[in-house]
Protein backbone atom coordinates (compact mmCIF):
# COMPACT_ATOMS: atom_id res chain seq x y z
CA MET A 1 55.10 145.33 60.13
CA SER A 2 57.17 147.14 57.52
CA ASP A 3 57.24 146.25 53.84
CA GLN A 4 60.58 147.97 53.36
CA ILE A 5 63.66 145.98 52.46
CA ASN A 6 66.48 146.20 54.95
CA PRO A 7 69.55 147.33 52.96
CA ASP A 8 71.82 145.90 55.68
CA ALA A 9 70.27 142.42 55.47
CA PRO A 10 72.88 140.83 53.16
CA GLU A 11 75.74 142.28 55.21
CA ALA A 12 74.18 141.17 58.51
CA PHE A 13 73.54 137.70 57.04
CA GLU A 14 77.21 137.38 56.05
CA GLU A 15 78.32 138.61 59.48
CA ASP A 16 76.14 135.93 61.11
CA ILE A 17 77.77 133.27 58.94
CA GLU A 18 81.24 134.61 59.78
CA ARG A 19 80.38 134.40 63.49
CA LEU A 20 79.26 130.80 63.02
CA VAL A 21 82.50 129.95 61.19
CA GLU A 22 84.56 131.55 63.96
CA ALA A 23 82.59 129.66 66.63
CA LEU A 24 83.21 126.39 64.77
CA LYS A 25 86.91 127.15 64.45
CA ALA A 26 87.05 127.83 68.19
CA ALA A 27 85.26 124.53 68.90
CA PHE A 28 87.93 122.73 66.88
CA GLY A 29 90.82 124.44 68.63
CA GLY A 30 90.89 127.70 66.70
CA GLY A 31 93.13 128.83 63.91
CA GLY A 32 93.53 127.66 60.37
CA ALA A 33 92.02 128.84 57.15
CA SER A 34 88.34 128.75 56.38
CA ARG A 35 85.85 129.73 53.72
CA TRP A 36 82.14 129.30 53.15
CA TYR A 37 79.64 129.21 50.33
CA HIS A 38 75.86 129.63 50.47
CA ASP A 39 73.94 127.77 47.75
CA GLU A 40 70.70 129.73 47.57
CA THR A 41 68.89 127.20 45.38
CA THR A 42 69.20 124.42 47.97
CA GLU A 43 69.55 126.67 51.05
CA THR A 44 72.74 124.80 51.93
CA LEU A 45 75.70 126.38 53.69
CA TYR A 46 79.06 124.81 52.93
CA ILE A 47 81.81 125.59 55.43
CA GLU A 48 85.37 124.52 54.70
CA LEU A 49 87.76 124.40 57.65
CA GLU A 50 91.44 123.59 57.42
CA CYS A 51 91.37 122.03 60.89
CA LEU A 52 89.02 119.24 59.72
CA GLU A 53 91.59 117.73 57.38
CA ASN A 54 92.67 114.79 59.58
CA MET A 55 89.80 114.69 62.06
CA PRO A 56 87.50 111.65 62.37
CA GLU A 57 83.86 112.29 61.44
CA GLU A 58 82.64 111.26 64.91
CA GLU A 59 84.83 113.90 66.56
CA ILE A 60 83.67 116.55 64.08
CA GLU A 61 80.02 115.76 64.88
CA MET A 62 80.69 115.80 68.63
CA LEU A 63 82.46 119.18 68.57
CA ALA A 64 80.29 120.90 65.95
CA GLY A 65 76.92 119.68 67.24
CA PRO A 66 76.50 122.16 70.10
CA VAL A 67 77.66 125.09 67.94
CA LEU A 68 75.28 124.23 65.11
CA GLU A 69 72.37 123.68 67.49
CA ASP A 70 72.97 127.10 69.04
CA THR A 71 72.89 129.04 65.76
CA ASP A 72 69.91 131.13 64.71
CA LEU A 73 70.76 130.70 61.02
CA ASP A 74 68.06 128.90 59.07
CA PHE A 75 69.47 126.59 56.39
CA GLU A 76 68.17 123.31 55.03
CA GLU A 77 71.63 121.89 55.62
CA ILE A 78 75.02 123.01 56.93
CA LEU A 79 77.88 120.90 55.63
CA LEU A 80 81.34 120.97 57.19
CA LEU A 81 84.15 120.02 54.84
CA PRO A 82 87.93 119.85 55.07
CA MET A 83 89.55 122.81 53.33
CA GLU A 84 90.62 121.99 49.79
CA GLN A 85 93.87 123.47 48.61
């Protein structure tokens, strides 16, 4: 086991989040704007997706569930929100 810090860790972490966002966008039909924010103090990932704007919560849960269950990212909570203008 190495005690060295991986200098690529932050970049790889962000790439993993970007992959998750793209997978979620694909699950919702692709396209549209998106952005995310990681709150380190609460270990919460906020993902805003334009495509969620007029979608019922039940449909969001049904489509996002398999994608979120398949991710290796370890957050206390991942919140999906409609994109604010």
